[in-house]
PDB file of all heavy atoms in Angstrom:
ATOM      1  N   VAL A   1      -0.792  -1.445 -11.001  1.00  0.00           N
ATOM      2  CA  VAL A   1      -1.740  -1.758 -12.001  1.00  0.00           C
ATOM      3  C   VAL A   1      -2.120  -3.264 -11.884  1.00  0.00           C
ATOM      4  O   VAL A   1      -1.260  -4.094 -11.533  1.00  0.00           O
ATOM      5  CB  VAL A   1      -1.381  -1.394 -13.389  1.00  0.00           C
ATOM      6  CG1 VAL A   1      -1.170   0.065 -13.505  1.00  0.00           C
ATOM      7  CG2 VAL A   1      -0.144  -2.161 -13.790  1.00  0.00           C
ATOM      8  N   PRO A   2      -3.316  -3.727 -12.239  1.00  0.00           N
ATOM      9  CA  PRO A   2      -3.673  -5.122 -12.066  1.00  0.00           C
ATOM     10  C   PRO A   2      -2.713  -5.946 -12.994  1.00  0.00           C
ATOM     11  O   PRO A   2      -2.726  -5.781 -14.235  1.00  0.00           O
ATOM     12  CB  PRO A   2      -5.039  -5.174 -12.580  1.00  0.00           C
ATOM     13  CG  PRO A   2      -5.629  -3.846 -12.378  1.00  0.00           C
ATOM     14  CD  PRO A   2      -4.547  -2.936 -12.635  1.00  0.00           C
ATOM     15  N   LYS A   3      -2.079  -6.940 -12.329  1.00  0.00           N
ATOM     16  CA  LYS A   3      -1.218  -7.924 -13.057  1.00  0.00           C
ATOM     17  C   LYS A   3      -1.126  -9.126 -12.246  1.00  0.00           C
ATOM     18  O   LYS A   3      -1.249  -9.134 -11.013  1.00  0.00           O
ATOM     19  CB  LYS A   3       0.176  -7.313 -13.285  1.00  0.00           C
ATOM     20  CG  LYS A   3       0.377  -6.392 -14.436  1.00  0.00           C
ATOM     21  CD  LYS A   3       1.805  -5.937 -14.589  1.00  0.00           C
ATOM     22  CE  LYS A   3       2.038  -4.960 -15.779  1.00  0.00           C
ATOM     23  NZ  LYS A   3       3.492  -4.640 -15.895  1.00  0.00           N
ATOM     24  N   LEU A   4      -0.853 -10.299 -12.992  1.00  0.00           N
ATOM     25  CA  LEU A   4      -0.526 -11.537 -12.193  1.00  0.00           C
ATOM     26  C   LEU A   4       0.883 -11.632 -11.903  1.00  0.00           C
ATOM     27  O   LEU A   4       1.633 -12.514 -12.344  1.00  0.00           O
ATOM     28  CB  LEU A   4      -1.034 -12.727 -13.088  1.00  0.00           C
ATOM     29  CG  LEU A   4      -2.490 -12.814 -13.430  1.00  0.00           C
ATOM     30  CD1 LEU A   4      -2.769 -14.026 -14.309  1.00  0.00           C
ATOM     31  CD2 LEU A   4      -3.338 -12.889 -12.098  1.00  0.00           C
ATOM     32  N   GLU A   5       1.364 -10.721 -11.013  1.00  0.00           N
ATOM     33  CA  GLU A   5       2.756 -10.700 -10.536  1.00  0.00           C
ATOM     34  C   GLU A   5       2.735 -10.577  -8.984  1.00  0.00           C
ATOM     35  O   GLU A   5       1.792 -10.353  -8.358  1.00  0.00           O
ATOM     36  CB  GLU A   5       3.442  -9.435 -11.211  1.00  0.00           C
ATOM     37  CG  GLU A   5       3.561  -9.582 -12.696  1.00  0.00           C
ATOM     38  CD  GLU A   5       4.316  -8.419 -13.318  1.00  0.00           C
ATOM     39  OE1 GLU A   5       4.638  -7.458 -12.563  1.00  0.00           O
ATOM     40  OE2 GLU A   5       4.538  -8.451 -14.535  1.00  0.00           O
ATOM     41  N   LYS A   6       3.950 -10.811  -8.431  1.00  0.00           N
ATOM     42  CA  LYS A   6       4.103 -10.920  -7.044  1.00  0.00           C
ATOM     43  C   LYS A   6       3.628  -9.783  -6.243  1.00  0.00           C
ATOM     44  O   LYS A   6       2.862  -9.925  -5.316  1.00  0.00           O
ATOM     45  CB  LYS A   6       5.552 -11.221  -6.599  1.00  0.00           C
ATOM     46  CG  LYS A   6       5.895 -12.668  -6.537  1.00  0.00           C
ATOM     47  CD  LYS A   6       7.287 -12.948  -5.966  1.00  0.00           C
ATOM     48  CE  LYS A   6       7.523 -14.443  -5.858  1.00  0.00           C
ATOM     49  NZ  LYS A   6       8.806 -14.630  -5.191  1.00  0.00           N
ATOM     50  N   PRO A   7       3.942  -8.461  -6.624  1.00  0.00           N
ATOM     51  CA  PRO A   7       3.482  -7.356  -5.699  1.00  0.00           C
ATOM     52  C   PRO A   7       1.980  -7.291  -5.596  1.00  0.00           C
ATOM     53  O   PRO A   7       1.455  -6.839  -4.652  1.00  0.00           O
ATOM     54  CB  PRO A   7       4.040  -6.125  -6.521  1.00  0.00           C
ATOM     55  CG  PRO A   7       5.148  -6.649  -7.275  1.00  0.00           C
ATOM     56  CD  PRO A   7       4.838  -8.096  -7.697  1.00  0.00           C
ATOM     57  N   GLN A   8       1.334  -7.669  -6.725  1.00  0.00           N
ATOM     58  CA  GLN A   8      -0.126  -7.681  -6.732  1.00  0.00           C
ATOM     59  C   GLN A   8      -0.839  -8.916  -6.016  1.00  0.00           C
ATOM     60  O   GLN A   8      -1.910  -8.767  -5.467  1.00  0.00           O
ATOM     61  CB  GLN A   8      -0.676  -7.586  -8.133  1.00  0.00           C
ATOM     62  CG  GLN A   8      -0.448  -6.225  -8.876  1.00  0.00           C
ATOM     63  CD  GLN A   8       0.887  -6.206  -9.548  1.00  0.00           C
ATOM     64  OE1 GLN A   8       1.745  -6.939  -9.284  1.00  0.00           O
ATOM     65  NE2 GLN A   8       0.972  -5.214 -10.429  1.00  0.00           N
ATOM     66  N   LEU A   9      -0.108 -10.072  -6.031  1.00  0.00           N
ATOM     67  CA  LEU A   9      -0.733 -11.305  -5.610  1.00  0.00           C
ATOM     68  C   LEU A   9      -0.336 -11.635  -4.176  1.00  0.00           C
ATOM     69  O   LEU A   9      -1.048 -12.494  -3.510  1.00  0.00           O
ATOM     70  CB  LEU A   9      -0.334 -12.428  -6.617  1.00  0.00           C
ATOM     71  CG  LEU A   9      -0.855 -12.244  -8.030  1.00  0.00           C
ATOM     72  CD1 LEU A   9      -0.278 -13.476  -8.847  1.00  0.00           C
ATOM     73  CD2 LEU A   9      -2.271 -12.226  -8.114  1.00  0.00           C
ATOM     74  N   LEU A  10       0.732 -11.169  -3.616  1.00  0.00           N
ATOM     75  CA  LEU A  10       1.226 -11.478  -2.310  1.00  0.00           C
ATOM     76  C   LEU A  10       0.290 -11.073  -1.263  1.00  0.00           C
ATOM     77  O   LEU A  10       0.129 -11.826  -0.195  1.00  0.00           O
ATOM     78  CB  LEU A  10       2.671 -10.941  -2.122  1.00  0.00           C
ATOM     79  CG  LEU A  10       3.769 -11.766  -2.714  1.00  0.00           C
ATOM     80  CD1 LEU A  10       5.144 -11.088  -2.436  1.00  0.00           C
ATOM     81  CD2 LEU A  10       3.887 -13.151  -2.158  1.00  0.00           C
ATOM     82  N   ARG A  11      -0.377  -9.979  -1.413  1.00  0.00           N
ATOM     83  CA  ARG A  11      -1.218  -9.419  -0.321  1.00  0.00           C
ATOM     84  C   ARG A  11      -2.197  -8.405  -1.021  1.00  0.00           C
ATOM     85  O   ARG A  11      -1.977  -7.956  -2.110  1.00  0.00           O
ATOM     86  CB  ARG A  11      -0.364  -8.733   0.690  1.00  0.00           C
ATOM     87  CG  ARG A  11       0.394  -7.478   0.200  1.00  0.00           C
ATOM     88  CD  ARG A  11       1.229  -6.845   1.308  1.00  0.00           C
ATOM     89  NE  ARG A  11       2.348  -7.679   1.659  1.00  0.00           N
ATOM     90  CZ  ARG A  11       3.559  -7.736   1.017  1.00  0.00           C
ATOM     91  NH1 ARG A  11       3.643  -6.892  -0.064  1.00  0.00           N
ATOM     92  NH2 ARG A  11       4.522  -8.463   1.398  1.00  0.00           N
ATOM     93  N   LEU A  12      -3.258  -8.021  -0.191  1.00  0.00           N
ATOM     94  CA  LEU A  12      -4.052  -6.864  -0.555  1.00  0.00           C
ATOM     95  C   LEU A  12      -3.230  -5.690  -0.475  1.00  0.00           C
ATOM     96  O   LEU A  12      -2.246  -5.536   0.370  1.00  0.00           O
ATOM     97  CB  LEU A  12      -5.183  -6.813   0.303  1.00  0.00           C
ATOM     98  CG  LEU A  12      -6.229  -7.959   0.186  1.00  0.00           C
ATOM     99  CD1 LEU A  12      -7.397  -7.706   1.207  1.00  0.00           C
ATOM    100  CD2 LEU A  12      -6.792  -8.183  -1.170  1.00  0.00           C
ATOM    101  N   THR A  13      -3.470  -4.665  -1.362  1.00  0.00           N
ATOM    102  CA  THR A  13      -2.689  -3.454  -1.344  1.00  0.00           C
ATOM    103  C   THR A  13      -3.451  -2.237  -0.789  1.00  0.00           C
ATOM    104  O   THR A  13      -4.649  -2.079  -1.082  1.00  0.00           O
ATOM    105  CB  THR A  13      -2.272  -3.087  -2.887  1.00  0.00           C
ATOM    106  OG1 THR A  13      -1.647  -4.232  -3.399  1.00  0.00           O
ATOM    107  CG2 THR A  13      -1.337  -1.946  -2.931  1.00  0.00           C
ATOM    108  N   ARG A  14      -2.717  -1.453  -0.023  1.00  0.00           N
ATOM    109  CA  ARG A  14      -3.364  -0.274   0.589  1.00  0.00           C
ATOM    110  C   ARG A  14      -3.665   0.758  -0.570  1.00  0.00           C
ATOM    111  O   ARG A  14      -2.908   0.995  -1.412  1.00  0.00           O
ATOM    112  CB  ARG A  14      -2.332   0.408   1.521  1.00  0.00           C
ATOM    113  CG  ARG A  14      -1.985  -0.531   2.614  1.00  0.00           C
ATOM    114  CD  ARG A  14      -0.667  -0.001   3.468  1.00  0.00           C
ATOM    115  NE  ARG A  14      -0.986   1.212   4.199  1.00  0.00           N
ATOM    116  CZ  ARG A  14      -0.108   1.752   5.040  1.00  0.00           C
ATOM    117  NH1 ARG A  14       1.080   1.164   5.093  1.00  0.00           N
ATOM    118  NH2 ARG A  14      -0.442   2.895   5.703  1.00  0.00           N
ATOM    119  N   LYS A  15      -4.852   1.414  -0.420  1.00  0.00           N
ATOM    120  CA  LYS A  15      -5.210   2.344  -1.406  1.00  0.00           C
ATOM    121  C   LYS A  15      -4.352   3.641  -1.206  1.00  0.00           C
ATOM    122  O   LYS A  15      -4.005   4.278  -2.196  1.00  0.00           O
ATOM    123  CB  LYS A  15      -6.691   2.828  -1.253  1.00  0.00           C
ATOM    124  CG  LYS A  15      -7.729   1.594  -1.668  1.00  0.00           C
ATOM    125  CD  LYS A  15      -9.081   2.083  -1.474  1.00  0.00           C
ATOM    126  CE  LYS A  15     -10.088   1.021  -1.901  1.00  0.00           C
ATOM    127  NZ  LYS A  15     -11.550   1.396  -1.646  1.00  0.00           N
ATOM    128  N   ASN A  16      -4.094   3.938   0.039  1.00  0.00           N
ATOM    129  CA  ASN A  16      -3.164   5.067   0.334  1.00  0.00           C
ATOM    130  C   ASN A  16      -2.320   4.609   1.494  1.00  0.00           C
ATOM    131  O   ASN A  16      -2.830   4.090   2.516  1.00  0.00           O
ATOM    132  CB  ASN A  16      -3.942   6.400   0.755  1.00  0.00           C
ATOM    133  CG  ASN A  16      -4.830   6.881  -0.380  1.00  0.00           C
ATOM    134  OD1 ASN A  16      -4.382   7.695  -1.112  1.00  0.00           O
ATOM    135  ND2 ASN A  16      -6.017   6.501  -0.415  1.00  0.00           N
ATOM    136  N   SER A  17      -1.028   4.764   1.305  1.00  0.00           N
ATOM    137  CA  SER A  17      -0.082   4.308   2.411  1.00  0.00           C
ATOM    138  C   SER A  17       0.748   5.504   2.880  1.00  0.00           C
ATOM    139  O   SER A  17       1.091   6.451   2.071  1.00  0.00           O
ATOM    140  CB  SER A  17       0.792   3.171   1.864  1.00  0.00           C
ATOM    141  OG  SER A  17       1.655   3.657   0.752  1.00  0.00           O
ATOM    142  N   TYR A  18       1.069   5.372   4.245  1.00  0.00           N
ATOM    143  CA  TYR A  18       1.932   6.393   4.671  1.00  0.00           C
ATOM    144  C   TYR A  18       2.675   5.822   5.949  1.00  0.00           C
ATOM    145  O   TYR A  18       2.032   5.336   6.925  1.00  0.00           O
ATOM    146  CB  TYR A  18       1.216   7.639   5.194  1.00  0.00           C
ATOM    147  CG  TYR A  18       2.154   8.695   5.759  1.00  0.00           C
ATOM    148  CD1 TYR A  18       2.956   9.469   4.872  1.00  0.00           C
ATOM    149  CD2 TYR A  18       2.196   8.985   7.118  1.00  0.00           C
ATOM    150  CE1 TYR A  18       3.836  10.373   5.378  1.00  0.00           C
ATOM    151  CE2 TYR A  18       3.166   9.869   7.633  1.00  0.00           C
ATOM    152  CZ  TYR A  18       3.991  10.593   6.780  1.00  0.00           C
ATOM    153  OH  TYR A  18       4.857  11.471   7.299  1.00  0.00           O
ATOM    154  N   VAL A  19       3.961   5.777   5.896  1.00  0.00           N
ATOM    155  CA  VAL A  19       4.858   5.280   6.985  1.00  0.00           C
ATOM    156  C   VAL A  19       5.832   6.536   7.281  1.00  0.00           C
ATOM    157  O   VAL A  19       6.647   6.842   6.398  1.00  0.00           O
ATOM    158  CB  VAL A  19       5.591   4.017   6.707  1.00  0.00           C
ATOM    159  CG1 VAL A  19       6.528   3.708   7.873  1.00  0.00           C
ATOM    160  CG2 VAL A  19       4.621   2.965   6.497  1.00  0.00           C
ATOM    161  N   GLY A  20       5.663   7.037   8.473  1.00  0.00           N
ATOM    162  CA  GLY A  20       6.483   8.276   8.763  1.00  0.00           C
ATOM    163  C   GLY A  20       5.865   9.083   9.881  1.00  0.00           C
ATOM    164  O   GLY A  20       4.982   8.558  10.641  1.00  0.00           O
ATOM    165  N   VAL A  21       6.315  10.249  10.088  1.00  0.00           N
ATOM    166  CA  VAL A  21       5.805  11.107  11.203  1.00  0.00           C
ATOM    167  C   VAL A  21       4.525  11.818  10.665  1.00  0.00           C
ATOM    168  O   VAL A  21       4.454  12.345   9.505  1.00  0.00           O
ATOM    169  CB  VAL A  21       6.858  12.152  11.575  1.00  0.00           C
ATOM    170  CG1 VAL A  21       6.231  13.057  12.665  1.00  0.00           C
ATOM    171  CG2 VAL A  21       8.061  11.363  12.091  1.00  0.00           C
ATOM    172  N   ALA A  22       3.463  11.855  11.511  1.00  0.00           N
ATOM    173  CA  ALA A  22       2.288  12.616  11.195  1.00  0.00           C
ATOM    174  C   ALA A  22       1.930  13.407  12.460  1.00  0.00           C
ATOM    175  O   ALA A  22       2.069  12.947  13.594  1.00  0.00           O
ATOM    176  CB  ALA A  22       1.147  11.733  10.837  1.00  0.00           C
ATOM    177  N   TRP A  23       1.475  14.662  12.313  1.00  0.00           N
ATOM    178  CA  TRP A  23       1.133  15.577  13.440  1.00  0.00           C
ATOM    179  C   TRP A  23      -0.441  15.765  13.300  1.00  0.00           C
ATOM    180  O   TRP A  23      -1.030  15.959  12.269  1.00  0.00           O
ATOM    181  CB  TRP A  23       1.728  16.874  13.190  1.00  0.00           C
ATOM    182  CG  TRP A  23       3.284  16.856  13.325  1.00  0.00           C
ATOM    183  CD1 TRP A  23       4.168  16.414  12.381  1.00  0.00           C
ATOM    184  CD2 TRP A  23       4.104  17.304  14.474  1.00  0.00           C
ATOM    185  NE1 TRP A  23       5.502  16.504  12.799  1.00  0.00           N
ATOM    186  CE2 TRP A  23       5.494  17.060  14.186  1.00  0.00           C
ATOM    187  CE3 TRP A  23       3.717  17.881  15.688  1.00  0.00           C
ATOM    188  CZ2 TRP A  23       6.478  17.317  14.954  1.00  0.00           C
ATOM    189  CZ3 TRP A  23       4.798  18.133  16.570  1.00  0.00           C
ATOM    190  CH2 TRP A  23       6.080  17.937  16.207  1.00  0.00           C
ATOM    191  N   TYR A  24      -1.027  15.758  14.556  1.00  0.00           N
ATOM    192  CA  TYR A  24      -2.475  15.949  14.683  1.00  0.00           C
ATOM    193  C   TYR A  24      -2.640  16.972  15.756  1.00  0.00           C
ATOM    194  O   TYR A  24      -2.022  17.003  16.715  1.00  0.00           O
ATOM    195  CB  TYR A  24      -3.129  14.569  15.172  1.00  0.00           C
ATOM    196  CG  TYR A  24      -2.856  13.391  14.292  1.00  0.00           C
ATOM    197  CD1 TYR A  24      -1.646  12.627  14.306  1.00  0.00           C
ATOM    198  CD2 TYR A  24      -3.750  13.048  13.244  1.00  0.00           C
ATOM    199  CE1 TYR A  24      -1.367  11.509  13.543  1.00  0.00           C
ATOM    200  CE2 TYR A  24      -3.449  11.937  12.405  1.00  0.00           C
ATOM    201  CZ  TYR A  24      -2.279  11.235  12.567  1.00  0.00           C
ATOM    202  OH  TYR A  24      -2.076  10.091  11.792  1.00  0.00           O
ATOM    203  N   ASN A  25      -3.608  17.881  15.486  1.00  0.00           N
ATOM    204  CA  ASN A  25      -3.795  18.874  16.599  1.00  0.00           C
ATOM    205  C   ASN A  25      -5.354  19.184  16.618  1.00  0.00           C
ATOM    206  O   ASN A  25      -6.062  19.054  15.671  1.00  0.00           O
ATOM    207  CB  ASN A  25      -3.065  20.023  16.487  1.00  0.00           C
ATOM    208  CG  ASN A  25      -3.237  20.995  15.349  1.00  0.00           C
ATOM    209  OD1 ASN A  25      -4.225  20.740  14.509  1.00  0.00           O
ATOM    210  ND2 ASN A  25      -2.430  21.922  15.037  1.00  0.00           N
TER     211      ASN A  25
END
């Protein structure tokens, strides 16, 4: 949520994030 804190201010934030295995066919 919008705040003047480190997680929000250090970088832009991904709207949707995924790190792991993904399958495409």
